[in-house]
Amino acid sequence: MKRFEDLEVYKKAFALAISVYKLTNSKSFDLNIKNQIQRAALSIPLNIAEGFELQSNKQFIKFLYISKASSGELRSLLRICEELNFIDKIIVDDLLNETEDVSKQLSKFISYLKNSKIE
């Protein structure tokens, strides 16, 4: 793989970030929550990209873990937004499913990289 843009997990994380960003820009949100949820969503694909570009398997894994942590943060923020009635439950459930899918893909990718002979 020569480009992070070719990674399936990056593509899904990128699409998720765009969805969250568009949703939070189109609705009225508390500014603190809006900023935090956008940062968490953006952090997922950005850390995949940054880690990939370091050209070190060890560093890449570290950044994939950061992406995975950001996906947990995003899930928590989505639940908060649902409780505060900022986002409808149906939309939250869809975004949670997408976020969990990305998180599972990150876990599998991390396991693959840990077990590979690539440095």
C-alpha atoms as a PDB file:
ATOM      1  CA  MET A   1       0.000   0.000   0.000  1.00  0.00           C
ATOM      2  CA  LYS A   2       1.514   3.272  -1.091  1.00  0.00           C
ATOM      3  CA  ARG A   3      -1.104   5.795   0.064  1.00  0.00           C
ATOM      4  CA  PHE A   4      -3.208   6.074   3.179  1.00  0.00           C
ATOM      5  CA  GLU A   5      -6.085   7.149   0.928  1.00  0.00           C
ATOM      6  CA  ASP A   6      -6.211   3.557  -0.351  1.00  0.00           C
ATOM      7  CA  LEU A   7      -6.868   2.093   3.104  1.00  0.00           C
ATOM      8  CA  GLU A   8     -10.471   0.988   3.534  1.00  0.00           C
ATOM      9  CA  VAL A   9     -10.478   2.036   7.192  1.00  0.00           C
ATOM     10  CA  TYR A  10      -9.285   5.517   6.209  1.00  0.00           C
ATOM     11  CA  LYS A  11     -12.069   5.848   3.615  1.00  0.00           C
ATOM     12  CA  LYS A  12     -14.711   4.898   6.177  1.00  0.00           C
ATOM     13  CA  ALA A  13     -13.225   7.167   8.853  1.00  0.00           C
ATOM     14  CA  PHE A  14     -13.071  10.037   6.359  1.00  0.00           C
ATOM     15  CA  ALA A  15     -16.738   9.562   5.379  1.00  0.00           C
ATOM     16  CA  LEU A  16     -17.727   9.414   9.051  1.00  0.00           C
ATOM     17  CA  ALA A  17     -15.890  12.661   9.810  1.00  0.00           C
ATOM     18  CA  ILE A  18     -17.589  14.413   6.901  1.00  0.00           C
ATOM     19  CA  SER A  19     -21.017  13.172   8.041  1.00  0.00           C
ATOM     20  CA  VAL A  20     -20.468  14.356  11.611  1.00  0.00           C
ATOM     21  CA  TYR A  21     -19.065  17.700  10.478  1.00  0.00           C
ATOM     22  CA  LYS A  22     -21.997  18.379   8.129  1.00  0.00           C
ATOM     23  CA  LEU A  23     -24.532  17.355  10.768  1.00  0.00           C
ATOM     24  CA  THR A  24     -23.054  19.531  13.482  1.00  0.00           C
ATOM     25  CA  ASN A  25     -22.737  22.523  11.150  1.00  0.00           C
ATOM     26  CA  SER A  26     -26.371  22.252  10.068  1.00  0.00           C
ATOM     27  CA  LYS A  27     -27.888  22.259  13.550  1.00  0.00           C
ATOM     28  CA  SER A  28     -27.854  24.488  16.566  1.00  0.00           C
ATOM     29  CA  PHE A  29     -25.360  23.121  19.078  1.00  0.00           C
ATOM     30  CA  ASP A  30     -23.679  24.221  22.229  1.00  0.00           C
ATOM     31  CA  LEU A  31     -20.372  25.578  20.905  1.00  0.00           C
ATOM     32  CA  ASN A  32     -18.245  23.474  23.276  1.00  0.00           C
ATOM     33  CA  ILE A  33     -19.931  20.215  22.300  1.00  0.00           C
ATOM     34  CA  LYS A  34     -19.895  21.144  18.612  1.00  0.00           C
ATOM     35  CA  ASN A  35     -16.147  21.815  18.711  1.00  0.00           C
ATOM     36  CA  GLN A  36     -15.414  18.666  20.698  1.00  0.00           C
ATOM     37  CA  ILE A  37     -17.488  16.321  18.533  1.00  0.00           C
ATOM     38  CA  GLN A  38     -15.973  17.771  15.353  1.00  0.00           C
ATOM     39  CA  ARG A  39     -12.436  17.389  16.746  1.00  0.00           C
ATOM     40  CA  ALA A  40     -13.096  13.789  17.788  1.00  0.00           C
ATOM     41  CA  ALA A  41     -14.554  12.905  14.382  1.00  0.00           C
ATOM     42  CA  LEU A  42     -11.718  14.620  12.500  1.00  0.00           C
ATOM     43  CA  SER A  43      -9.084  12.993  14.692  1.00  0.00           C
ATOM     44  CA  ILE A  44      -9.952   9.493  13.464  1.00  0.00           C
ATOM     45  CA  PRO A  45      -8.928   9.821   9.782  1.00  0.00           C
ATOM     46  CA  LEU A  46      -6.260  12.444  10.498  1.00  0.00           C
ATOM     47  CA  ASN A  47      -4.367  10.137  12.850  1.00  0.00           C
ATOM     48  CA  ILE A  48      -4.585   7.280  10.353  1.00  0.00           C
ATOM     49  CA  ALA A  49      -3.045   9.574   7.734  1.00  0.00           C
ATOM     50  CA  GLU A  50      -0.385  10.973  10.040  1.00  0.00           C
ATOM     51  CA  GLY A  51       0.669   7.560  11.318  1.00  0.00           C
ATOM     52  CA  PHE A  52       0.859   6.115   7.818  1.00  0.00           C
ATOM     53  CA  GLU A  53       3.112   8.923   6.629  1.00  0.00           C
ATOM     54  CA  LEU A  54       5.647   8.253   9.397  1.00  0.00           C
ATOM     55  CA  GLN A  55       6.734   5.119   7.504  1.00  0.00           C
ATOM     56  CA  SER A  56       7.261   3.176  10.729  1.00  0.00           C
ATOM     57  CA  ASN A  57       5.066   0.259  11.703  1.00  0.00           C
ATOM     58  CA  LYS A  58       5.544   0.992  15.412  1.00  0.00           C
ATOM     59  CA  GLN A  59       4.574   4.649  15.007  1.00  0.00           C
ATOM     60  CA  PHE A  60       1.675   3.781  12.696  1.00  0.00           C
ATOM     61  CA  ILE A  61       0.235   1.428  15.324  1.00  0.00           C
ATOM     62  CA  LYS A  62       0.533   4.183  17.936  1.00  0.00           C
ATOM     63  CA  PHE A  63      -1.481   6.566  15.752  1.00  0.00           C
ATOM     64  CA  LEU A  64      -4.057   3.870  14.969  1.00  0.00           C
ATOM     65  CA  TYR A  65      -4.589   3.499  18.716  1.00  0.00           C
ATOM     66  CA  ILE A  66      -5.138   7.260  18.938  1.00  0.00           C
ATOM     67  CA  SER A  67      -7.721   6.968  16.139  1.00  0.00           C
ATOM     68  CA  LYS A  68      -9.411   4.159  18.021  1.00  0.00           C
ATOM     69  CA  ALA A  69      -9.487   6.244  21.197  1.00  0.00           C
ATOM     70  CA  SER A  70     -11.040   9.125  19.249  1.00  0.00           C
ATOM     71  CA  SER A  71     -13.738   6.769  18.005  1.00  0.00           C
ATOM     72  CA  GLY A  72     -14.598   5.999  21.639  1.00  0.00           C
ATOM     73  CA  GLU A  73     -14.710   9.699  22.390  1.00  0.00           C
ATOM     74  CA  LEU A  74     -16.986  10.260  19.387  1.00  0.00           C
ATOM     75  CA  ARG A  75     -19.374   7.507  20.514  1.00  0.00           C
ATOM     76  CA  SER A  76     -19.610   9.060  23.957  1.00  0.00           C
ATOM     77  CA  LEU A  77     -20.229  12.518  22.501  1.00  0.00           C
ATOM     78  CA  LEU A  78     -22.935  11.158  20.209  1.00  0.00           C
ATOM     79  CA  ARG A  79     -24.750   9.704  23.220  1.00  0.00           C
ATOM     80  CA  ILE A  80     -24.470  13.035  25.023  1.00  0.00           C
ATOM     81  CA  CYS A  81     -25.917  14.815  21.984  1.00  0.00           C
ATOM     82  CA  GLU A  82     -28.767  12.333  21.918  1.00  0.00           C
ATOM     83  CA  GLU A  83     -29.534  12.878  25.616  1.00  0.00           C
ATOM     84  CA  LEU A  84     -29.491  16.652  25.114  1.00  0.00           C
ATOM     85  CA  ASN A  85     -31.762  16.303  22.062  1.00  0.00           C
ATOM     86  CA  PHE A  86     -29.188  17.867  19.752  1.00  0.00           C
ATOM     87  CA  ILE A  87     -29.343  14.823  17.428  1.00  0.00           C
ATOM     88  CA  ASP A  88     -32.248  12.443  16.812  1.00  0.00           C
ATOM     89  CA  LYS A  89     -31.850   8.886  18.104  1.00  0.00           C
ATOM     90  CA  ILE A  90     -32.089   7.367  14.610  1.00  0.00           C
ATOM     91  CA  ILE A  91     -29.214   9.514  13.361  1.00  0.00           C
ATOM     92  CA  VAL A  92     -27.188   8.794  16.498  1.00  0.00           C
ATOM     93  CA  ASP A  93     -27.725   5.059  16.067  1.00  0.00           C
ATOM     94  CA  ASP A  94     -26.550   5.215  12.434  1.00  0.00           C
ATOM     95  CA  LEU A  95     -23.459   7.225  13.376  1.00  0.00           C
ATOM     96  CA  LEU A  96     -22.727   4.914  16.309  1.00  0.00           C
ATOM     97  CA  ASN A  97     -22.858   1.906  13.989  1.00  0.00           C
ATOM     98  CA  GLU A  98     -20.469   3.600  11.561  1.00  0.00           C
ATOM     99  CA  THR A  99     -18.137   4.577  14.399  1.00  0.00           C
ATOM    100  CA  GLU A 100     -18.145   1.078  15.877  1.00  0.00           C
ATOM    101  CA  ASP A 101     -17.425  -0.367  12.428  1.00  0.00           C
ATOM    102  CA  VAL A 102     -14.412   1.935  12.041  1.00  0.00           C
ATOM    103  CA  SER A 103     -13.228   1.006  15.548  1.00  0.00           C
ATOM    104  CA  LYS A 104     -13.462  -2.719  14.753  1.00  0.00           C
ATOM    105  CA  GLN A 105     -11.561  -2.199  11.507  1.00  0.00           C
ATOM    106  CA  LEU A 106      -8.878  -0.294  13.397  1.00  0.00           C
ATOM    107  CA  SER A 107      -8.563  -3.163  15.897  1.00  0.00           C
ATOM    108  CA  LYS A 108      -8.160  -5.704  13.112  1.00  0.00           C
ATOM    109  CA  PHE A 109      -5.654  -3.517  11.306  1.00  0.00           C
ATOM    110  CA  ILE A 110      -3.628  -3.013  14.497  1.00  0.00           C
ATOM    111  CA  SER A 111      -3.566  -6.790  15.064  1.00  0.00           C
ATOM    112  CA  TYR A 112      -2.489  -7.358  11.476  1.00  0.00           C
ATOM    113  CA  LEU A 113       0.340  -4.827  11.743  1.00  0.00           C
ATOM    114  CA  LYS A 114       1.503  -6.203  15.107  1.00  0.00           C
ATOM    115  CA  ASN A 115       1.732  -9.697  13.636  1.00  0.00           C
ATOM    116  CA  SER A 116       3.363  -8.658  10.384  1.00  0.00           C
ATOM    117  CA  LYS A 117       7.088  -8.778   9.725  1.00  0.00           C
ATOM    118  CA  ILE A 118       7.029  -5.204   8.393  1.00  0.00           C
ATOM    119  CA  GLU A 119       9.071  -2.737  10.449  1.00  0.00           C
END
